[in-house]
Structures are given as structure tokens and as C-alpha cells.
């Protein structure tokens, strides 16, 4: 448990600090030119991935997997990460996510489609579930503080905060919800009603911090942190091979 806490918190600090560095530099100090445009595009892509990471850290906190013996630390880091990512409420998302695990892929699952399994319709259902007027109000307040309190430009706020956040929504939905939980020709193997995507560990990390490539393993072991899911699969396969 101590090892899990040390690794989890250390990785979380690295992701948060890197995200903040890009966020602050991009919004308050970025100078646009032909020469800086390619760098900006690269930073936006990295920031999108890091924004996905912020949500995944909070997700681990919801399962007590970030710092297993420190519930207050779990909640504090989870709350901070969701606030940085898109002014989301940890208290509001926590019960929603546990309903997802309780009713995965069926009625009562807030992540599941509302009867229309097509990508666009399912995404709208997902978006409506997790984005509220309160969140939009909080983002607006922060943007006004950035603009009128610190002299930031609205364009930089959109490019270095809004665009990565929306890109992360797409990553989280496509790789962490739609692909793992949609019905395929091959039936679900158990009541968790989820598949793990057939991708390698590196692509799994880059797409959704292993919550695509190892989604079934996550449902089998919610207490396993994102970085431990590949090892969890190896352990499960090893036990199966020994039977």
C-alpha cells in the first residue's frame, strides 16, 4: 500500500506540475508567431493528454486507488485535478462513477447510452451527464479572473485550456467509455459488460492512460491504479494459465 501511494502520488504530482507549466505559459506568456505555431500545436496535443491524465488521477482517487491508506489525500488530489481540468465537481462525479460500476452497461449506468448506441448520440448523452451549468459558471468566473485580473487574452484561454479540455473529453469518451462498453459481435465475457481494446501498452497509455487497453481489468479490480493495470492483466493471465 505504501508503494502504491508513493508511485501514485509521485506520478500525479508530475502530471499536475507539467499541466500547470503549459497552462500558465500558454495563457499568460505565449507569444504568437509563425515560428511558435508548431510548438503551440505540440503543446496543445500534450496538454490534451495531460488533461485526460488529470481526470484519470481523480478517477483513481474515487476508487481509493491513488493513496489507499490516506482517504483525505485521495479526495484532495482528486478534487484539485478535476478543478484544474475543467472546474468539475468531485463530490458530484463520485456517486455517478460508482453507479457506473454498479450498473455497467445497463439501465442505471450514467455512462451508458440512452437507447441510441450510435457514437454521436451516445457522446451527447455522456456530455449532458457530466457537464452542468454550475461548471460552466465556474469556468466563466475563472476566465474573467484570468482576463481582468491577470491580463490574459481570451484566445489563449481557449487554445491552451478549452481546446485541450474538450479534446480530453473526446479521449475519455471514445477510449474509456464507447469502445470498451459498446456491444460487438463477440459477447461480453461477464457481468461487467466491458471489453479491453486490443492495443499495446504504449498505445493504451497514450490514448487513455490504460483505460481503453485494460478496461475490463479495471472493472475486475477497481482498486488497481491506472499505472498498475498492465501488471494486473499479467497476474490474471498467469492465474488462468496455472489452472
Protein backbone atom coordinates (compact mmCIF):
# COMPACT_ATOMS: atom_id res chain seq x y z
CA UNK A 1 0.00 0.00 0.00
CA UNK A 2 2.84 2.42 0.79
CA UNK A 3 4.46 1.67 -2.56
CA UNK A 4 1.17 2.24 -4.38
CA UNK A 5 0.69 5.55 -2.60
CA UNK A 6 4.25 6.70 -3.31
CA UNK A 7 4.07 5.86 -7.02
CA UNK A 8 0.54 7.19 -7.44
CA UNK A 9 1.18 10.50 -5.71
CA UNK A 10 4.54 10.96 -7.47
CA UNK A 11 3.00 10.41 -10.90
CA UNK A 12 0.11 12.70 -10.00
CA UNK A 13 2.48 15.49 -8.97
CA UNK A 14 4.43 15.09 -12.22
CA UNK A 15 1.26 15.28 -14.33
CA UNK A 16 -0.19 18.24 -12.39
CA UNK A 17 3.06 20.23 -12.44
CA UNK A 18 3.57 19.65 -16.17
CA UNK A 19 -0.05 20.56 -16.90
CA UNK A 20 0.27 23.77 -14.85
CA UNK A 21 3.52 24.71 -16.59
CA UNK A 22 1.88 24.50 -20.03
CA UNK A 23 -1.33 26.13 -18.79
CA UNK A 24 0.42 29.14 -17.26
CA UNK A 25 2.94 29.56 -20.07
CA UNK A 26 0.32 29.25 -22.79
CA UNK A 27 -2.31 31.50 -21.28
CA UNK A 28 -0.18 34.25 -19.75
CA UNK A 29 3.13 34.30 -21.62
CA UNK A 30 2.65 32.84 -25.09
CA UNK A 31 3.82 34.97 -27.98
CA UNK A 32 2.26 34.01 -31.30
CA UNK A 33 4.32 33.92 -34.49
CA UNK A 34 4.89 31.67 -37.46
CA UNK A 35 7.81 30.14 -35.61
CA UNK A 36 5.90 29.41 -32.41
CA UNK A 37 2.83 27.90 -34.14
CA UNK A 38 4.25 24.36 -34.48
CA UNK A 39 5.34 24.45 -30.84
CA UNK A 40 1.88 25.58 -29.79
CA UNK A 41 0.27 22.70 -31.69
CA UNK A 42 2.60 20.23 -29.97
CA UNK A 43 1.84 21.76 -26.57
CA UNK A 44 -1.91 21.54 -27.20
CA UNK A 45 -1.61 17.84 -28.02
CA UNK A 46 0.47 17.20 -24.89
CA UNK A 47 -1.91 19.28 -22.79
CA UNK A 48 -4.88 17.30 -24.12
CA UNK A 49 -3.22 14.07 -23.00
CA UNK A 50 -2.30 15.58 -19.62
CA UNK A 51 -5.88 16.81 -19.19
CA UNK A 52 -7.04 13.23 -19.71
CA UNK A 53 -4.48 12.29 -17.06
CA UNK A 54 -5.97 14.76 -14.59
CA UNK A 55 -9.33 13.07 -14.94
CA UNK A 56 -7.79 9.61 -14.60
CA UNK A 57 -5.99 10.66 -11.40
CA UNK A 58 -9.32 11.85 -9.98
CA UNK A 59 -10.87 8.58 -11.11
CA UNK A 60 -8.24 6.62 -9.17
CA UNK A 61 -8.99 8.81 -6.16
CA UNK A 62 -12.69 7.91 -6.42
CA UNK A 63 -11.73 4.26 -6.02
CA UNK A 64 -9.27 4.95 -3.21
CA UNK A 65 -6.52 3.66 -5.50
CA UNK A 66 -4.40 6.81 -5.53
CA UNK A 67 -3.36 6.72 -1.88
CA UNK A 68 -5.10 3.66 -0.40
CA UNK A 69 -4.40 4.43 3.26
CA UNK A 70 -4.99 8.19 3.02
CA UNK A 71 -8.64 8.95 2.16
CA UNK A 72 -8.27 12.69 2.75
CA UNK A 73 -5.28 12.84 0.41
CA UNK A 74 -7.23 10.83 -2.16
CA UNK A 75 -10.10 13.28 -2.09
CA UNK A 76 -7.90 16.38 -2.01
CA UNK A 77 -5.86 15.39 -5.06
CA UNK A 78 -8.96 14.19 -6.89
CA UNK A 79 -10.76 17.46 -6.21
CA UNK A 80 -7.75 19.51 -7.32
CA UNK A 81 -7.32 17.56 -10.56
CA UNK A 82 -10.96 17.90 -11.59
CA UNK A 83 -10.91 21.60 -10.75
CA UNK A 84 -7.82 22.19 -12.86
CA UNK A 85 -9.09 20.07 -15.72
CA UNK A 86 -12.45 21.78 -16.24
CA UNK A 87 -13.86 23.07 -12.93
CA UNK A 88 -15.66 19.77 -12.39
CA UNK A 89 -17.11 18.81 -9.01
CA UNK A 90 -15.51 15.77 -7.40
CA UNK A 91 -18.45 15.42 -4.98
CA UNK A 92 -20.92 15.31 -7.90
CA UNK A 93 -18.91 12.86 -10.03
CA UNK A 94 -18.08 10.41 -7.22
CA UNK A 95 -21.56 8.82 -6.85
CA UNK A 96 -22.08 8.90 -10.62
CA UNK A 97 -18.95 6.89 -11.23
CA UNK A 98 -19.81 4.28 -8.62
CA UNK A 99 -23.21 3.88 -10.27
CA UNK A 100 -21.33 3.15 -13.49
CA UNK A 101 -19.54 0.26 -11.81
CA UNK A 102 -22.69 -1.00 -10.12
CA UNK A 103 -24.79 -0.99 -13.32
CA UNK A 104 -22.11 -1.20 -16.01
CA UNK A 105 -23.56 -1.25 -19.50
CA UNK A 106 -27.21 -1.40 -18.46
CA UNK A 107 -30.09 0.70 -17.11
CA UNK A 108 -28.86 2.85 -14.22
CA UNK A 109 -25.35 3.33 -15.64
CA UNK A 110 -24.87 7.10 -16.17
CA UNK A 111 -22.12 6.41 -18.73
CA UNK A 112 -24.31 4.17 -20.87
CA UNK A 113 -26.25 5.34 -23.91
CA UNK A 114 -29.89 6.31 -23.51
CA UNK A 115 -31.17 3.83 -26.07
CA UNK A 116 -29.23 5.08 -29.09
CA UNK A 117 -25.80 3.35 -29.30
CA UNK A 118 -24.52 5.45 -32.20
CA UNK A 119 -21.33 7.37 -31.44
CA UNK A 120 -22.72 10.91 -31.70
CA UNK A 121 -25.90 10.18 -29.73
CA UNK A 122 -24.01 8.33 -27.01
CA UNK A 123 -21.48 11.15 -26.75
CA UNK A 124 -24.23 13.75 -26.29
CA UNK A 125 -25.72 11.60 -23.53
CA UNK A 126 -22.29 11.35 -21.89
CA UNK A 127 -21.69 15.10 -22.23
CA UNK A 128 -25.06 16.04 -20.74
CA UNK A 129 -24.47 13.72 -17.80
CA UNK A 130 -21.17 15.22 -16.70
CA UNK A 131 -21.31 18.89 -17.71
CA UNK A 132 -23.52 21.24 -15.71
CA UNK A 133 -24.49 24.89 -15.62
CA UNK A 134 -22.53 25.21 -12.37
CA UNK A 135 -19.38 24.01 -14.09
CA UNK A 136 -19.84 26.46 -16.97
CA UNK A 137 -20.34 29.26 -14.44
CA UNK A 138 -17.13 28.33 -12.63
CA UNK A 139 -15.17 28.24 -15.89
CA UNK A 140 -16.60 31.64 -16.84
CA UNK A 141 -15.57 33.13 -13.49
CA UNK A 142 -12.04 31.76 -13.85
CA UNK A 143 -11.77 33.09 -17.40
CA UNK A 144 -12.88 36.55 -16.24
CA UNK A 145 -10.30 36.48 -13.43
CA UNK A 146 -7.61 35.49 -15.95
CA UNK A 147 -8.63 38.28 -18.34
CA UNK A 148 -9.36 41.17 -16.00
CA UNK A 149 -7.13 40.18 -13.09
CA UNK A 150 -4.04 38.99 -14.92
CA UNK A 151 -4.37 40.39 -18.43
CA UNK A 152 -4.73 37.08 -20.27
CA UNK A 153 -6.26 37.02 -23.73
CA UNK A 154 -9.47 35.09 -24.37
CA UNK A 155 -7.84 33.47 -27.39
CA UNK A 156 -5.03 31.99 -25.30
CA UNK A 157 -7.54 30.73 -22.73
CA UNK A 158 -9.49 28.96 -25.46
CA UNK A 159 -6.40 27.50 -27.14
CA UNK A 160 -4.49 26.33 -24.05
CA UNK A 161 -7.37 25.41 -21.71
CA UNK A 162 -10.68 24.93 -23.53
CA UNK A 163 -9.33 23.07 -26.55
CA UNK A 164 -7.26 20.54 -24.51
CA UNK A 165 -10.17 20.03 -22.11
CA UNK A 166 -12.58 19.30 -24.95
CA UNK A 167 -10.02 17.05 -26.61
CA UNK A 168 -9.69 15.14 -23.34
CA UNK A 169 -13.48 14.71 -23.22
CA UNK A 170 -13.21 13.03 -26.60
CA UNK A 171 -10.37 10.78 -25.44
CA UNK A 172 -12.16 9.80 -22.27
CA UNK A 173 -15.40 9.04 -24.06
CA UNK A 174 -14.06 7.20 -27.11
CA UNK A 175 -11.32 5.16 -25.43
CA UNK A 176 -12.65 4.98 -21.88
CA UNK A 177 -16.39 4.51 -22.47
CA UNK A 178 -17.61 3.97 -26.03
CA UNK A 179 -15.09 1.45 -27.34
CA UNK A 180 -14.88 -0.63 -24.12
CA UNK A 181 -18.63 -0.70 -23.40
CA UNK A 182 -20.28 -0.83 -26.81
CA UNK A 183 -21.76 -4.12 -27.89
CA UNK A 184 -19.87 -6.09 -30.53
CA UNK A 185 -20.35 -9.37 -32.33
CA UNK A 186 -18.28 -11.03 -29.62
CA UNK A 187 -20.34 -11.17 -26.40
CA UNK A 188 -19.20 -9.65 -23.14
CA UNK A 189 -17.32 -12.21 -21.06
CA UNK A 190 -19.03 -11.38 -17.76
CA UNK A 191 -21.47 -9.08 -15.96
CA UNK A 192 -19.06 -6.13 -16.15
CA UNK A 193 -20.13 -5.79 -19.79
CA UNK A 194 -16.85 -4.35 -20.99
CA UNK A 195 -14.05 -5.20 -23.38
CA UNK A 196 -10.37 -4.32 -23.23
CA UNK A 197 -9.15 -2.87 -26.51
CA UNK A 198 -6.61 -4.90 -28.46
CA UNK A 199 -3.80 -2.36 -28.36
CA UNK A 200 -0.27 -2.47 -27.00
CA UNK A 201 0.74 -0.93 -23.65
CA UNK A 202 2.23 2.22 -25.21
CA UNK A 203 -0.84 2.99 -27.34
CA UNK A 204 -3.05 2.18 -24.35
CA UNK A 205 -1.12 4.72 -22.28
CA UNK A 206 -1.25 7.40 -24.99
CA UNK A 207 -4.95 7.02 -25.72
CA UNK A 208 -6.45 6.97 -22.22
CA UNK A 209 -3.90 6.12 -19.53
CA UNK A 210 -4.70 2.39 -19.94
CA UNK A 211 -8.46 2.77 -19.52
CA UNK A 212 -9.02 1.58 -23.07
CA UNK A 213 -6.49 -1.19 -23.42
CA UNK A 214 -7.17 -2.54 -19.92
CA UNK A 215 -10.76 -1.50 -19.23
CA UNK A 216 -12.01 -4.96 -18.34
CA UNK A 217 -9.11 -5.37 -15.92
CA UNK A 218 -10.15 -2.10 -14.29
CA UNK A 219 -13.70 -3.37 -13.73
CA UNK A 220 -12.34 -6.63 -12.34
CA UNK A 221 -10.03 -4.71 -9.97
CA UNK A 222 -11.20 -1.09 -9.39
CA UNK A 223 -8.62 -0.69 -6.65
CA UNK A 224 -5.77 -1.08 -9.14
CA UNK A 225 -4.39 2.34 -10.19
CA UNK A 226 -4.08 3.25 -13.86
CA UNK A 227 -0.34 2.58 -13.95
CA UNK A 228 -0.82 -0.90 -12.45
CA UNK A 229 -3.36 -2.22 -14.95
CA UNK A 230 -0.84 -3.91 -17.31
CA UNK A 231 0.59 -5.82 -14.36
CA UNK A 232 -2.94 -6.71 -13.24
CA UNK A 233 -3.60 -8.31 -16.64
CA UNK A 234 -0.36 -10.29 -16.43
CA UNK A 235 -1.37 -11.53 -12.98
CA UNK A 236 -4.84 -12.55 -14.21
CA UNK A 237 -3.40 -14.33 -17.25
CA UNK A 238 -0.84 -16.06 -15.05
CA UNK A 239 -3.54 -17.40 -12.72
CA UNK A 240 -5.58 -18.58 -15.70
CA UNK A 241 -2.59 -20.40 -17.20
CA UNK A 242 -1.99 -22.24 -13.93
CA UNK A 243 -5.47 -23.79 -13.88
